[in-house]
Amino acid sequence: MDLNTVRLVYFSPTCTTKRVLEGIAQGMHAQTVSHFDLTPPQAQAIPFAPGDTTVVLIGAPVYGGRLPQIAVERLNRLQGYGLPAALVVVYGNRAFEDALLELKDLAEARGFTPIAGAAFIGEHSYSTDTMPIAPGRPDAADLKEAVAFGQQVREKVMQFPSAHVPALHVPGNFPYKEWRPAAENPPTPTTIADLCTLCGDCAAVCPTAAITVRDAVLTDAHACIVCCACIRACPTGARVMEDPRVLRSAMWLHKDYSARKEPEVYV
């Protein structure tokens, strides 16, 4: 197994999952780290091939205790060829519920050999300055834990060839938590026209191509996954979330889930 090469595969609209995987890769002391970002709408299948000897880190955010459906669709383009994979989910300080188990099952179905799993905390996509939810996470302490987890992954790969890795057990229930049906009028960020410069940064970061910028910013509500990447990317603060359903959820998370949670690892 080539421990000098690590491939990072992730769906990460607000880059929190990406940052965690980069910390894990740092702990693996790899000389070559390749990024395969499944976030953009035009993301292509990852070029793994029979005979590859790399180690793979696969990461995704948690939406309501599950993997985002769009992330599942893009991860299902992968073919693992038995490659060892460390699996990571990143959640907004409430709970990761069935997401890590779902990622493990998906990785196995796509031909990877899960060797380790972890759940890290990232700043919630609904977090704002006035209603912070895990602000600044992953922070320095989280990234230190990510580096330590990477060291554990490296040691396990050295200890066990892929064909002899013990079965990985992670928390979660099957059947997975049921997805709630989409609302007839699904929530989406809106644009304050007086602040908008039509720069297009919001459209550039949208993982589902839900945003079109012409004489105004238009959003396809049925394509929007409410990742809020557009809000984070907007340089003038013109992109905002005003939907009362989302604001109620943000207040609930801010009030009831403010106590700091720590990363959990399974090796």
Protein backbone atom coordinates (compact mmCIF):
# COMPACT_ATOMS: atom_id res chain seq x y z
CA MET A 1 0.00 0.00 0.00
CA ASP A 2 1.31 3.45 -0.98
CA LEU A 3 1.15 5.47 2.23
CA ASN A 4 2.85 8.41 0.55
CA THR A 5 -0.26 9.16 -1.51
CA VAL A 6 -3.68 10.09 -0.16
CA ARG A 7 -6.75 10.99 -2.20
CA LEU A 8 -9.37 13.26 -0.67
CA VAL A 9 -12.90 12.83 -2.04
CA TYR A 10 -15.53 15.18 -0.67
CA PHE A 11 -18.79 17.03 -1.06
CA SER A 12 -18.24 20.26 0.85
CA PRO A 13 -20.30 23.34 -0.09
CA THR A 14 -18.96 25.53 2.74
CA CYS A 15 -15.51 23.86 2.84
CA THR A 16 -15.79 22.58 6.44
CA THR A 17 -15.58 18.93 5.38
CA LYS A 18 -12.67 19.75 3.10
CA ARG A 19 -10.78 21.38 5.98
CA VAL A 20 -11.27 18.34 8.22
CA LEU A 21 -10.01 15.97 5.52
CA GLU A 22 -6.96 18.15 4.95
CA GLY A 23 -6.16 17.88 8.67
CA ILE A 24 -6.50 14.10 8.55
CA ALA A 25 -4.23 13.92 5.51
CA GLN A 26 -1.66 16.00 7.39
CA GLY A 27 -1.63 13.39 10.15
CA MET A 28 -1.04 10.63 7.59
CA HIS A 29 2.24 12.32 6.52
CA ALA A 30 1.50 11.78 2.86
CA GLN A 31 3.87 13.32 0.34
CA THR A 32 1.15 13.63 -2.29
CA VAL A 33 -2.41 14.70 -1.49
CA SER A 34 -4.88 14.77 -4.38
CA HIS A 35 -8.23 16.56 -4.12
CA PHE A 36 -11.36 15.32 -5.87
CA ASP A 37 -14.11 17.80 -5.14
CA LEU A 38 -17.60 16.44 -5.83
CA THR A 39 -19.26 19.74 -4.88
CA PRO A 40 -19.44 21.54 -8.26
CA PRO A 41 -22.33 20.58 -10.56
CA GLN A 42 -19.83 19.60 -13.25
CA ALA A 43 -17.86 17.26 -10.94
CA GLN A 44 -16.71 14.15 -12.80
CA ALA A 45 -16.25 10.53 -11.71
CA ILE A 46 -13.05 9.89 -9.76
CA PRO A 47 -10.40 8.03 -11.77
CA PHE A 48 -9.63 5.09 -9.50
CA ALA A 49 -8.51 1.96 -11.32
CA PRO A 50 -7.77 -1.71 -10.58
CA GLY A 51 -4.33 -2.01 -9.07
CA ASP A 52 -4.35 1.40 -7.36
CA THR A 53 -2.57 1.35 -4.01
CA THR A 54 -3.59 4.72 -2.60
CA VAL A 55 -5.48 5.43 0.61
CA VAL A 56 -8.76 7.35 0.23
CA LEU A 57 -10.44 9.80 2.60
CA ILE A 58 -14.14 10.26 1.83
CA GLY A 59 -16.08 13.07 3.47
CA ALA A 60 -19.54 14.62 3.41
CA PRO A 61 -21.66 16.93 5.57
CA VAL A 62 -24.69 15.81 7.57
CA TYR A 63 -28.11 17.22 6.73
CA GLY A 64 -30.79 16.28 9.25
CA GLY A 65 -28.97 13.15 10.40
CA ARG A 66 -28.39 11.82 6.87
CA LEU A 67 -26.07 12.37 3.94
CA PRO A 68 -27.36 14.99 1.49
CA GLN A 69 -29.06 13.21 -1.40
CA ILE A 70 -26.96 15.11 -3.95
CA ALA A 71 -23.80 13.91 -2.17
CA VAL A 72 -25.06 10.31 -2.31
CA GLU A 73 -25.69 10.64 -6.03
CA ARG A 74 -22.18 11.94 -6.67
CA LEU A 75 -20.47 9.46 -4.36
CA ASN A 76 -22.26 6.67 -6.19
CA ARG A 77 -20.16 7.53 -9.25
CA LEU A 78 -17.11 6.09 -7.48
CA GLN A 79 -15.64 2.63 -7.92
CA GLY A 80 -13.33 1.64 -5.09
CA TYR A 81 -11.58 -1.55 -6.30
CA GLY A 82 -10.98 -2.61 -2.70
CA LEU A 83 -9.03 0.53 -1.77
CA PRO A 84 -8.86 1.30 1.97
CA ALA A 85 -11.03 4.29 2.88
CA ALA A 86 -11.40 6.41 5.99
CA LEU A 87 -14.90 7.86 6.17
CA VAL A 88 -15.77 11.24 7.67
CA VAL A 89 -19.02 13.09 8.27
CA VAL A 90 -19.20 16.68 9.49
CA TYR A 91 -22.25 17.93 11.39
CA GLY A 92 -23.39 21.20 12.92
CA ASN A 93 -23.14 20.30 16.63
CA ARG A 94 -26.58 18.65 16.95
CA ALA A 95 -26.18 14.96 15.97
CA PHE A 96 -24.85 12.90 13.07
CA GLU A 97 -27.41 10.13 13.66
CA ASP A 98 -27.31 7.68 10.71
CA ALA A 99 -25.01 9.62 8.38
CA LEU A 100 -21.75 7.81 9.20
CA LEU A 101 -23.37 4.40 8.88
CA GLU A 102 -24.91 5.50 5.60
CA LEU A 103 -21.51 6.60 4.31
CA LYS A 104 -19.94 3.31 5.40
CA ASP A 105 -22.65 1.29 3.63
CA LEU A 106 -22.29 3.41 0.51
CA ALA A 107 -18.50 3.03 0.48
CA GLU A 108 -18.78 -0.74 0.81
CA ALA A 109 -21.36 -0.88 -1.96
CA ARG A 110 -19.00 1.07 -4.22
CA GLY A 111 -16.16 -1.37 -3.59
CA PHE A 112 -14.07 0.40 -0.94
CA THR A 113 -12.73 -1.23 2.22
CA PRO A 114 -13.73 0.98 5.19
CA ILE A 115 -10.89 1.04 7.70
CA ALA A 116 -11.90 3.94 9.96
CA GLY A 117 -14.71 6.40 10.52
CA ALA A 118 -15.12 9.74 12.23
CA ALA A 119 -17.69 12.43 12.95
CA PHE A 120 -16.38 15.98 13.26
CA ILE A 121 -18.16 19.25 13.97
CA GLY A 122 -18.35 22.13 11.52
CA GLU A 123 -20.04 25.50 11.77
CA HIS A 124 -23.69 24.96 10.90
CA SER A 125 -24.82 26.33 7.55
CA TYR A 126 -27.58 28.23 9.37
CA SER A 127 -25.10 29.92 11.72
CA THR A 128 -24.97 33.73 11.68
CA ASP A 129 -23.29 36.40 13.79
CA THR A 130 -26.53 36.94 15.68
CA MET A 131 -27.41 33.23 16.02
CA PRO A 132 -24.08 31.36 16.05
CA ILE A 133 -24.20 27.56 15.81
CA ALA A 134 -20.79 25.94 16.35
CA PRO A 135 -19.06 29.12 15.12
CA GLY A 136 -15.54 28.72 13.77
CA ARG A 137 -15.63 24.94 13.77
CA PRO A 138 -13.56 23.05 12.85
CA ASP A 139 -11.25 25.08 15.08
CA ALA A 140 -7.65 24.49 16.12
CA ALA A 141 -8.64 21.81 18.65
CA ASP A 142 -10.74 19.99 16.03
CA LEU A 143 -7.92 20.06 13.50
CA LYS A 144 -5.53 18.71 16.12
CA GLU A 145 -7.96 15.80 16.57
CA ALA A 146 -8.07 15.41 12.78
CA VAL A 147 -4.28 15.11 12.64
CA ALA A 148 -4.35 12.50 15.42
CA PHE A 149 -7.04 10.55 13.57
CA GLY A 150 -4.90 10.64 10.45
CA GLN A 151 -2.03 9.10 12.41
CA GLN A 152 -4.36 6.32 13.56
CA VAL A 153 -5.50 5.69 10.00
CA ARG A 154 -1.90 5.42 8.82
CA GLU A 155 -1.05 2.98 11.60
CA LYS A 156 -4.05 0.80 10.77
CA VAL A 157 -3.18 0.68 7.09
CA MET A 158 0.36 -0.38 8.00
CA GLN A 159 -0.97 -3.06 10.34
CA PHE A 160 -3.60 -4.62 8.09
CA PRO A 161 -3.51 -5.29 4.34
CA SER A 162 -6.83 -4.34 2.72
CA ALA A 163 -8.00 -7.93 2.43
CA HIS A 164 -7.58 -8.51 6.18
CA VAL A 165 -8.94 -5.33 7.74
CA PRO A 166 -11.37 -6.11 10.59
CA ALA A 167 -14.97 -5.05 9.97
CA LEU A 168 -15.58 -1.42 10.87
CA HIS A 169 -18.44 -0.69 13.26
CA VAL A 170 -19.91 2.81 13.49
CA PRO A 171 -23.04 4.21 15.16
CA GLY A 172 -26.30 4.48 13.30
CA ASN A 173 -29.55 2.72 12.58
CA PHE A 174 -30.85 0.86 9.57
CA PRO A 175 -33.31 1.58 8.06
CA TYR A 176 -31.86 5.08 8.13
CA LYS A 177 -33.75 8.07 9.46
CA GLU A 178 -36.50 8.88 6.99
CA TRP A 179 -36.14 11.96 4.85
CA ARG A 180 -38.88 14.51 5.34
CA PRO A 181 -40.77 15.23 2.12
CA ALA A 182 -39.85 18.45 0.35
CA ALA A 183 -42.14 21.37 1.08
CA GLU A 184 -44.39 22.62 -1.70
CA ASN A 185 -42.65 25.96 -1.30
CA PRO A 186 -39.13 24.97 -0.22
CA PRO A 187 -36.96 27.53 1.55
CA THR A 188 -34.09 29.24 -0.23
CA PRO A 189 -31.81 32.21 0.40
CA THR A 190 -32.90 35.53 -1.07
CA THR A 191 -31.00 38.52 -2.43
CA ILE A 192 -31.17 42.12 -1.21
CA ALA A 193 -31.18 43.92 -4.54
CA ASP A 194 -29.77 47.20 -3.18
CA LEU A 195 -26.67 45.40 -1.92
CA CYS A 196 -26.17 43.06 -4.87
CA THR A 197 -23.48 43.90 -7.45
CA LEU A 198 -24.36 40.93 -9.72
CA CYS A 199 -20.80 39.66 -9.30
CA GLY A 200 -21.88 36.03 -9.70
CA ASP A 201 -19.96 34.65 -6.71
CA CYS A 202 -23.16 33.07 -5.38
CA ALA A 203 -23.78 31.17 -8.63
CA ALA A 204 -20.14 30.07 -8.81
CA VAL A 205 -20.29 28.23 -5.48
CA CYS A 206 -23.77 26.71 -5.78
CA PRO A 207 -23.39 22.90 -5.84
CA THR A 208 -26.63 22.34 -7.76
CA ALA A 209 -26.51 25.23 -10.26
CA ALA A 210 -29.68 26.58 -8.66
CA ILE A 211 -28.63 30.23 -9.05
CA THR A 212 -28.71 32.27 -12.24
CA VAL A 213 -27.34 35.82 -12.41
CA ARG A 214 -28.70 38.09 -15.12
CA ASP A 215 -30.25 41.48 -14.43
CA ALA A 216 -31.12 40.01 -11.03
CA VAL A 217 -30.24 36.91 -9.02
CA LEU A 218 -32.72 34.09 -9.62
CA THR A 219 -32.85 30.92 -7.48
CA ASP A 220 -34.50 27.63 -8.40
CA ALA A 221 -36.03 26.74 -5.05
CA HIS A 222 -36.52 23.09 -6.00
CA ALA A 223 -32.84 22.71 -6.89
CA CYS A 224 -31.57 24.57 -3.80
CA ILE A 225 -30.33 22.31 -0.97
CA VAL A 226 -30.09 25.21 1.53
CA CYS A 227 -26.37 24.65 2.05
CA CYS A 228 -25.98 28.44 2.36
CA ALA A 229 -22.69 28.43 0.46
CA CYS A 230 -24.00 31.41 -1.51
CA ILE A 231 -24.51 33.38 1.71
CA ARG A 232 -20.95 32.65 2.84
CA ALA A 233 -19.55 33.61 -0.56
CA CYS A 234 -21.42 36.89 -1.06
CA PRO A 235 -18.89 39.75 -0.69
CA THR A 236 -21.51 42.44 0.06
CA GLY A 237 -23.88 40.58 2.38
CA ALA A 238 -26.64 40.73 -0.22
CA ARG A 239 -27.39 37.03 -0.02
CA VAL A 240 -29.45 36.27 3.11
CA MET A 241 -31.78 33.71 4.61
CA GLU A 242 -35.14 35.16 5.56
CA ASP A 243 -37.40 32.11 5.37
CA PRO A 244 -39.18 31.88 8.76
CA ARG A 245 -38.93 28.06 8.81
CA VAL A 246 -35.16 28.17 8.54
CA LEU A 247 -34.92 31.01 11.04
CA ARG A 248 -36.97 29.00 13.56
CA SER A 249 -34.67 26.01 13.07
CA ALA A 250 -31.61 28.22 13.47
CA MET A 251 -32.96 29.65 16.74
CA TRP A 252 -33.70 26.14 18.05
CA LEU A 253 -30.20 24.95 17.19
CA HIS A 254 -28.63 28.09 18.64
CA LYS A 255 -30.53 27.73 21.94
CA ASP A 256 -30.60 23.96 22.45
CA TYR A 257 -27.30 22.85 20.90
CA SER A 258 -24.82 25.46 22.04
CA ALA A 259 -22.86 23.08 24.32
CA ARG A 260 -19.66 22.09 22.58
CA LYS A 261 -19.51 18.57 21.15
CA GLU A 262 -16.26 16.84 20.34
CA PRO A 263 -15.16 14.68 17.39
CA GLU A 264 -15.80 10.95 17.60
CA VAL A 265 -13.51 8.45 15.89
CA TYR A 266 -13.89 4.75 15.15
CA VAL A 267 -10.77 2.80 14.21
